[in-house]
Amino acid sequence: MMDQIQNNSKIFRVSSLLEFNRLKKGKFFRSDTLWFKYILDNENDSPFKLSVAVSKKYGNAVKRNLIKRRIKNAFYMLSDSQNIPRNFIVMIGVDRDVTSEISFEQIYDSVEKFLAEISKFNFLKGDLSQ
């Protein structure tokens, strides 16, 4: 695949209501501290999009923004070694049970597990059947 995220270093945000509604019906994966909803957007050739949701129960705005930056950074770092197609849309959230601060290593491991899990199902190659 020539149009993978490595060639387009920018990760775009999920912005339209239509994309959020489609993500609600997408596949679900849960790790120790994070949850992931994901779809492969076959309808149009959109760039890789990422949305991060952190509840206000997690902490103040500074802590919520820190965790969002850490999640995005983990995706940037792993995108060099993973083949993430352009039309992949992901929503990531922090579990409601998590009240303490999540380290970058925990986030990195969760994102790595997620990418390893979806690669088992050939999701990155466009096969949606599990």
N, C-alpha and C. Protein backbone atom coordinates (compact mmCIF):
# COMPACT_ATOMS: atom_id res chain seq x y z
N MET A 1 0.84 -1.18 0.00
CA MET A 1 0.00 0.00 0.00
C MET A 1 0.88 1.24 0.00
N MET A 2 0.73 2.03 -0.99
CA MET A 2 1.56 3.21 -1.08
C MET A 2 0.97 4.40 -0.32
N ASP A 3 -0.31 4.34 -0.02
CA ASP A 3 -0.96 5.49 0.62
C ASP A 3 -1.15 5.27 2.12
N GLN A 4 -0.12 4.78 2.78
CA GLN A 4 -0.22 4.53 4.20
C GLN A 4 0.18 5.77 4.97
N ILE A 5 0.02 5.71 6.26
CA ILE A 5 0.23 6.87 7.10
C ILE A 5 1.69 7.35 7.07
N GLN A 6 2.64 6.46 6.74
CA GLN A 6 4.03 6.88 6.70
C GLN A 6 4.23 7.98 5.67
N ASN A 7 3.52 7.92 4.56
CA ASN A 7 3.64 8.93 3.52
C ASN A 7 2.89 10.20 3.88
N ASN A 8 1.95 10.11 4.79
CA ASN A 8 1.16 11.26 5.21
C ASN A 8 1.30 11.35 6.72
N SER A 9 2.27 12.08 7.22
CA SER A 9 2.60 12.06 8.63
C SER A 9 1.54 12.73 9.50
N LYS A 10 0.60 13.42 8.92
CA LYS A 10 -0.43 14.08 9.70
C LYS A 10 -1.57 13.11 9.99
N ILE A 11 -1.98 13.08 11.23
CA ILE A 11 -3.15 12.31 11.63
C ILE A 11 -4.30 13.30 11.76
N PHE A 12 -5.35 13.06 11.02
CA PHE A 12 -6.49 13.97 11.00
C PHE A 12 -7.47 13.63 12.10
N ARG A 13 -8.30 14.60 12.46
CA ARG A 13 -9.32 14.41 13.48
C ARG A 13 -10.61 13.94 12.85
N VAL A 14 -11.38 13.17 13.61
CA VAL A 14 -12.73 12.82 13.20
C VAL A 14 -13.58 14.03 13.52
N SER A 15 -14.21 14.61 12.49
CA SER A 15 -14.90 15.87 12.72
C SER A 15 -16.38 15.85 12.38
N SER A 16 -16.80 15.00 11.48
CA SER A 16 -18.20 15.06 11.06
C SER A 16 -19.07 14.13 11.91
N LEU A 17 -20.31 14.52 12.05
CA LEU A 17 -21.27 13.72 12.80
C LEU A 17 -21.49 12.37 12.13
N LEU A 18 -21.45 12.33 10.82
CA LEU A 18 -21.60 11.08 10.08
C LEU A 18 -20.51 10.08 10.45
N GLU A 19 -19.27 10.55 10.55
CA GLU A 19 -18.17 9.66 10.93
C GLU A 19 -18.33 9.15 12.36
N PHE A 20 -18.76 10.01 13.28
CA PHE A 20 -18.97 9.58 14.65
C PHE A 20 -20.09 8.53 14.72
N ASN A 21 -21.16 8.73 13.97
CA ASN A 21 -22.26 7.75 13.96
C ASN A 21 -21.81 6.42 13.38
N ARG A 22 -20.97 6.47 12.35
CA ARG A 22 -20.45 5.23 11.78
C ARG A 22 -19.49 4.53 12.74
N LEU A 23 -18.74 5.31 13.52
CA LEU A 23 -17.84 4.73 14.51
C LEU A 23 -18.61 4.01 15.62
N LYS A 24 -19.78 4.52 15.97
CA LYS A 24 -20.60 3.88 17.00
C LYS A 24 -20.95 2.45 16.62
N LYS A 25 -21.09 2.21 15.32
CA LYS A 25 -21.45 0.88 14.83
C LYS A 25 -20.22 0.05 14.49
N GLY A 26 -19.04 0.60 14.70
CA GLY A 26 -17.80 -0.09 14.34
C GLY A 26 -17.43 -1.19 15.31
N LYS A 27 -16.29 -1.77 15.08
CA LYS A 27 -15.79 -2.85 15.92
C LYS A 27 -15.18 -2.26 17.18
N PHE A 28 -15.11 -3.09 18.23
CA PHE A 28 -14.70 -2.64 19.56
C PHE A 28 -13.55 -3.49 20.07
N PHE A 29 -12.57 -2.84 20.70
CA PHE A 29 -11.45 -3.54 21.34
C PHE A 29 -11.16 -2.84 22.65
N ARG A 30 -10.92 -3.63 23.70
CA ARG A 30 -10.62 -3.07 25.02
C ARG A 30 -9.27 -3.61 25.50
N SER A 31 -8.43 -2.69 25.96
CA SER A 31 -7.16 -3.08 26.57
C SER A 31 -7.27 -2.82 28.08
N ASP A 32 -6.15 -2.79 28.76
CA ASP A 32 -6.17 -2.60 30.22
C ASP A 32 -6.75 -1.25 30.63
N THR A 33 -6.36 -0.20 29.94
CA THR A 33 -6.76 1.13 30.36
C THR A 33 -7.53 1.90 29.29
N LEU A 34 -7.45 1.45 28.03
CA LEU A 34 -8.09 2.18 26.93
C LEU A 34 -9.09 1.31 26.20
N TRP A 35 -10.05 1.94 25.53
CA TRP A 35 -10.94 1.23 24.62
C TRP A 35 -10.83 1.85 23.24
N PHE A 36 -11.11 1.04 22.23
CA PHE A 36 -10.95 1.46 20.83
C PHE A 36 -12.20 1.08 20.04
N LYS A 37 -12.73 2.02 19.27
CA LYS A 37 -13.77 1.75 18.28
C LYS A 37 -13.14 2.08 16.94
N TYR A 38 -13.34 1.22 15.94
CA TYR A 38 -12.65 1.43 14.67
C TYR A 38 -13.47 0.93 13.50
N ILE A 39 -13.26 1.59 12.36
CA ILE A 39 -13.89 1.19 11.10
C ILE A 39 -12.89 1.41 9.98
N LEU A 40 -13.13 0.75 8.88
CA LEU A 40 -12.39 0.99 7.66
C LEU A 40 -13.34 1.70 6.72
N ASP A 41 -13.04 2.93 6.37
CA ASP A 41 -13.92 3.77 5.56
C ASP A 41 -13.70 3.45 4.08
N ASN A 42 -14.51 2.54 3.55
CA ASN A 42 -14.39 2.15 2.14
C ASN A 42 -15.17 3.06 1.21
N GLU A 43 -16.00 3.94 1.78
CA GLU A 43 -16.86 4.79 0.96
C GLU A 43 -16.07 5.89 0.23
N ASN A 44 -15.05 6.39 0.87
CA ASN A 44 -14.24 7.42 0.21
C ASN A 44 -12.79 7.26 0.63
N ASP A 45 -11.91 7.89 -0.10
CA ASP A 45 -10.49 7.78 0.17
C ASP A 45 -10.08 8.86 1.16
N SER A 46 -10.48 8.68 2.40
CA SER A 46 -10.19 9.66 3.42
C SER A 46 -8.85 9.34 4.08
N PRO A 47 -8.19 10.33 4.66
CA PRO A 47 -6.94 10.06 5.36
C PRO A 47 -7.20 9.37 6.70
N PHE A 48 -6.16 8.84 7.32
CA PHE A 48 -6.27 8.22 8.63
C PHE A 48 -6.79 9.26 9.62
N LYS A 49 -7.82 8.88 10.38
CA LYS A 49 -8.44 9.81 11.32
C LYS A 49 -8.48 9.20 12.70
N LEU A 50 -8.26 10.05 13.70
CA LEU A 50 -8.18 9.61 15.07
C LEU A 50 -9.00 10.56 15.94
N SER A 51 -9.76 10.00 16.87
CA SER A 51 -10.51 10.79 17.83
C SER A 51 -10.21 10.23 19.22
N VAL A 52 -9.97 11.11 20.16
CA VAL A 52 -9.66 10.69 21.53
C VAL A 52 -10.72 11.27 22.46
N ALA A 53 -11.33 10.41 23.26
CA ALA A 53 -12.37 10.84 24.20
C ALA A 53 -11.91 10.54 25.63
N VAL A 54 -11.87 11.56 26.46
CA VAL A 54 -11.49 11.40 27.87
C VAL A 54 -12.58 12.04 28.71
N SER A 55 -13.13 11.28 29.63
CA SER A 55 -14.21 11.76 30.47
C SER A 55 -13.72 12.84 31.44
N LYS A 56 -14.61 13.72 31.83
CA LYS A 56 -14.26 14.75 32.81
C LYS A 56 -13.98 14.14 34.18
N LYS A 57 -14.41 12.91 34.39
CA LYS A 57 -14.15 12.23 35.65
C LYS A 57 -12.67 11.86 35.80
N TYR A 58 -11.95 11.86 34.68
CA TYR A 58 -10.54 11.48 34.73
C TYR A 58 -9.69 12.48 35.49
N GLY A 59 -9.98 13.73 35.40
CA GLY A 59 -9.19 14.75 36.08
C GLY A 59 -9.49 16.11 35.51
N ASN A 60 -8.62 17.05 35.81
CA ASN A 60 -8.84 18.40 35.29
C ASN A 60 -8.41 18.46 33.83
N ALA A 61 -8.59 19.61 33.21
CA ALA A 61 -8.32 19.76 31.77
C ALA A 61 -6.86 19.49 31.44
N VAL A 62 -5.96 19.84 32.32
CA VAL A 62 -4.54 19.63 32.07
C VAL A 62 -4.24 18.14 31.95
N LYS A 63 -4.79 17.33 32.87
CA LYS A 63 -4.57 15.87 32.82
C LYS A 63 -5.23 15.25 31.59
N ARG A 64 -6.43 15.72 31.26
CA ARG A 64 -7.12 15.18 30.08
C ARG A 64 -6.35 15.49 28.80
N ASN A 65 -5.85 16.72 28.68
CA ASN A 65 -5.08 17.08 27.50
C ASN A 65 -3.76 16.32 27.43
N LEU A 66 -3.15 16.06 28.59
CA LEU A 66 -1.91 15.30 28.62
C LEU A 66 -2.13 13.88 28.11
N ILE A 67 -3.20 13.24 28.54
CA ILE A 67 -3.45 11.87 28.08
C ILE A 67 -3.78 11.84 26.60
N LYS A 68 -4.48 12.86 26.11
CA LYS A 68 -4.77 12.94 24.67
C LYS A 68 -3.48 13.06 23.87
N ARG A 69 -2.57 13.92 24.33
CA ARG A 69 -1.28 14.08 23.63
C ARG A 69 -0.48 12.79 23.67
N ARG A 70 -0.51 12.09 24.78
CA ARG A 70 0.23 10.83 24.90
C ARG A 70 -0.34 9.77 23.95
N ILE A 71 -1.65 9.69 23.83
CA ILE A 71 -2.27 8.71 22.93
C ILE A 71 -1.90 9.03 21.49
N LYS A 72 -2.00 10.29 21.10
CA LYS A 72 -1.65 10.67 19.73
C LYS A 72 -0.18 10.41 19.44
N ASN A 73 0.68 10.68 20.41
CA ASN A 73 2.10 10.45 20.23
C ASN A 73 2.40 8.96 20.08
N ALA A 74 1.71 8.11 20.84
CA ALA A 74 1.90 6.67 20.70
C ALA A 74 1.52 6.21 19.30
N PHE A 75 0.43 6.76 18.75
CA PHE A 75 0.05 6.41 17.38
C PHE A 75 1.09 6.88 16.37
N TYR A 76 1.63 8.08 16.57
CA TYR A 76 2.67 8.57 15.68
C TYR A 76 3.88 7.64 15.70
N MET A 77 4.29 7.25 16.91
CA MET A 77 5.48 6.41 17.04
C MET A 77 5.26 5.03 16.43
N LEU A 78 4.09 4.47 16.63
CA LEU A 78 3.82 3.13 16.11
C LEU A 78 3.49 3.13 14.63
N SER A 79 3.13 4.28 14.09
CA SER A 79 2.79 4.33 12.67
C SER A 79 4.00 4.09 11.79
N ASP A 80 5.19 4.30 12.33
CA ASP A 80 6.41 4.03 11.56
C ASP A 80 6.61 2.54 11.33
N SER A 81 6.19 1.72 12.31
CA SER A 81 6.42 0.28 12.19
C SER A 81 5.18 -0.49 11.74
N GLN A 82 4.00 0.12 11.80
CA GLN A 82 2.76 -0.55 11.42
C GLN A 82 2.29 -0.03 10.06
N ASN A 83 1.62 -0.88 9.33
CA ASN A 83 1.04 -0.48 8.05
C ASN A 83 -0.42 -0.07 8.26
N ILE A 84 -0.63 1.17 8.56
CA ILE A 84 -1.98 1.68 8.81
C ILE A 84 -2.48 2.33 7.53
N PRO A 85 -3.58 1.83 6.97
CA PRO A 85 -4.07 2.42 5.72
C PRO A 85 -4.66 3.81 5.95
N ARG A 86 -4.76 4.56 4.88
CA ARG A 86 -5.27 5.92 4.95
C ARG A 86 -6.73 5.97 5.38
N ASN A 87 -7.55 5.04 4.95
CA ASN A 87 -8.99 5.13 5.22
C ASN A 87 -9.40 4.42 6.51
N PHE A 88 -8.54 4.45 7.50
CA PHE A 88 -8.77 3.83 8.80
C PHE A 88 -9.20 4.91 9.78
N ILE A 89 -10.34 4.71 10.47
CA ILE A 89 -10.86 5.70 11.42
C ILE A 89 -10.94 5.04 12.80
N VAL A 90 -10.35 5.68 13.80
CA VAL A 90 -10.27 5.12 15.15
C VAL A 90 -10.76 6.14 16.16
N MET A 91 -11.53 5.65 17.15
CA MET A 91 -11.89 6.46 18.30
C MET A 91 -11.32 5.75 19.53
N ILE A 92 -10.62 6.49 20.36
CA ILE A 92 -9.98 5.92 21.54
C ILE A 92 -10.52 6.63 22.77
N GLY A 93 -10.78 5.86 23.82
CA GLY A 93 -11.25 6.46 25.06
C GLY A 93 -10.56 5.82 26.25
N VAL A 94 -10.61 6.52 27.37
CA VAL A 94 -10.04 6.03 28.62
C VAL A 94 -11.17 5.35 29.39
N ASP A 95 -10.90 4.17 29.95
CA ASP A 95 -11.90 3.47 30.74
C ASP A 95 -12.38 4.33 31.90
N ARG A 96 -13.63 4.22 32.24
CA ARG A 96 -14.18 5.03 33.32
C ARG A 96 -13.63 4.61 34.68
N ASP A 97 -13.19 3.35 34.78
CA ASP A 97 -12.67 2.85 36.05
C ASP A 97 -11.30 3.43 36.38
N VAL A 98 -10.61 3.95 35.39
CA VAL A 98 -9.25 4.47 35.59
C VAL A 98 -9.34 5.86 36.21
N THR A 99 -8.81 5.99 37.42
CA THR A 99 -8.81 7.29 38.08
C THR A 99 -7.40 7.82 38.28
N SER A 100 -6.42 6.93 38.34
CA SER A 100 -5.04 7.39 38.50
C SER A 100 -4.45 7.74 37.14
N GLU A 101 -3.33 8.44 37.17
CA GLU A 101 -2.69 8.87 35.93
C GLU A 101 -2.12 7.66 35.19
N ILE A 102 -2.32 7.65 33.88
CA ILE A 102 -1.84 6.56 33.03
C ILE A 102 -0.50 6.98 32.45
N SER A 103 0.49 6.10 32.59
CA SER A 103 1.82 6.42 32.07
C SER A 103 1.86 6.25 30.55
N PHE A 104 2.86 6.86 29.94
CA PHE A 104 3.02 6.73 28.49
C PHE A 104 3.29 5.28 28.11
N GLU A 105 4.01 4.55 28.94
CA GLU A 105 4.31 3.14 28.65
C GLU A 105 3.03 2.31 28.59
N GLN A 106 2.09 2.57 29.50
CA GLN A 106 0.81 1.86 29.49
C GLN A 106 0.02 2.19 28.22
N ILE A 107 0.02 3.44 27.83
CA ILE A 107 -0.69 3.86 26.61
C ILE A 107 -0.05 3.22 25.40
N TYR A 108 1.26 3.27 25.33
CA TYR A 108 2.01 2.70 24.20
C TYR A 108 1.71 1.21 24.07
N ASP A 109 1.72 0.50 25.21
CA ASP A 109 1.43 -0.94 25.19
C ASP A 109 0.00 -1.21 24.74
N SER A 110 -0.95 -0.38 25.18
CA SER A 110 -2.35 -0.57 24.79
C SER A 110 -2.53 -0.35 23.29
N VAL A 111 -1.93 0.70 22.75
CA VAL A 111 -2.03 0.97 21.32
C VAL A 111 -1.35 -0.14 20.52
N GLU A 112 -0.22 -0.62 21.02
CA GLU A 112 0.50 -1.70 20.35
C GLU A 112 -0.33 -2.98 20.33
N LYS A 113 -0.99 -3.30 21.45
CA LYS A 113 -1.88 -4.48 21.52
C LYS A 113 -3.04 -4.33 20.54
N PHE A 114 -3.60 -3.13 20.47
CA PHE A 114 -4.71 -2.88 19.56
C PHE A 114 -4.29 -3.11 18.11
N LEU A 115 -3.16 -2.55 17.71
CA LEU A 115 -2.70 -2.71 16.33
C LEU A 115 -2.34 -4.16 16.03
N ALA A 116 -1.79 -4.87 17.01
CA ALA A 116 -1.49 -6.29 16.82
C ALA A 116 -2.78 -7.09 16.69
N GLU A 117 -3.78 -6.75 17.48
CA GLU A 117 -5.06 -7.47 17.44
C GLU A 117 -5.77 -7.30 16.10
N ILE A 118 -5.82 -6.08 15.60
CA ILE A 118 -6.53 -5.88 14.34
C ILE A 118 -5.75 -6.43 13.15
N SER A 119 -4.44 -6.53 13.29
CA SER A 119 -3.67 -7.09 12.18
C SER A 119 -3.92 -8.59 12.06
N LYS A 120 -4.36 -9.25 13.14
CA LYS A 120 -4.71 -10.68 13.09
C LYS A 120 -5.89 -10.93 12.16
N PHE A 121 -6.80 -9.97 12.11
CA PHE A 121 -8.03 -10.14 11.35
C PHE A 121 -7.94 -9.58 9.95
N ASN A 122 -6.75 -9.25 9.51
CA ASN A 122 -6.54 -8.67 8.18
C ASN A 122 -7.36 -7.40 8.00
N PHE A 123 -7.65 -6.73 9.09
CA PHE A 123 -8.44 -5.49 9.02
C PHE A 123 -7.67 -4.42 8.26
N LEU A 124 -6.35 -4.42 8.44
CA LEU A 124 -5.56 -3.40 7.78
C LEU A 124 -5.48 -3.64 6.27
N LYS A 125 -5.82 -4.85 5.84
CA LYS A 125 -5.82 -5.14 4.41
C LYS A 125 -7.19 -4.92 3.79
N GLY A 126 -8.18 -4.54 4.61
CA GLY A 126 -9.50 -4.22 4.08
C GLY A 126 -10.52 -5.32 4.29
N ASP A 127 -10.15 -6.43 4.95
CA ASP A 127 -11.08 -7.52 5.19
C ASP A 127 -11.79 -7.26 6.51
N LEU A 128 -13.07 -6.99 6.49
CA LEU A 128 -13.81 -6.68 7.69
C LEU A 128 -14.35 -7.90 8.40
N SER A 129 -14.31 -9.06 7.79
CA SER A 129 -14.86 -10.25 8.43
C SER A 129 -13.87 -10.79 9.44
N GLN A 130 -14.40 -11.20 10.60
CA GLN A 130 -13.53 -11.74 11.64
C GLN A 130 -13.75 -13.21 11.72
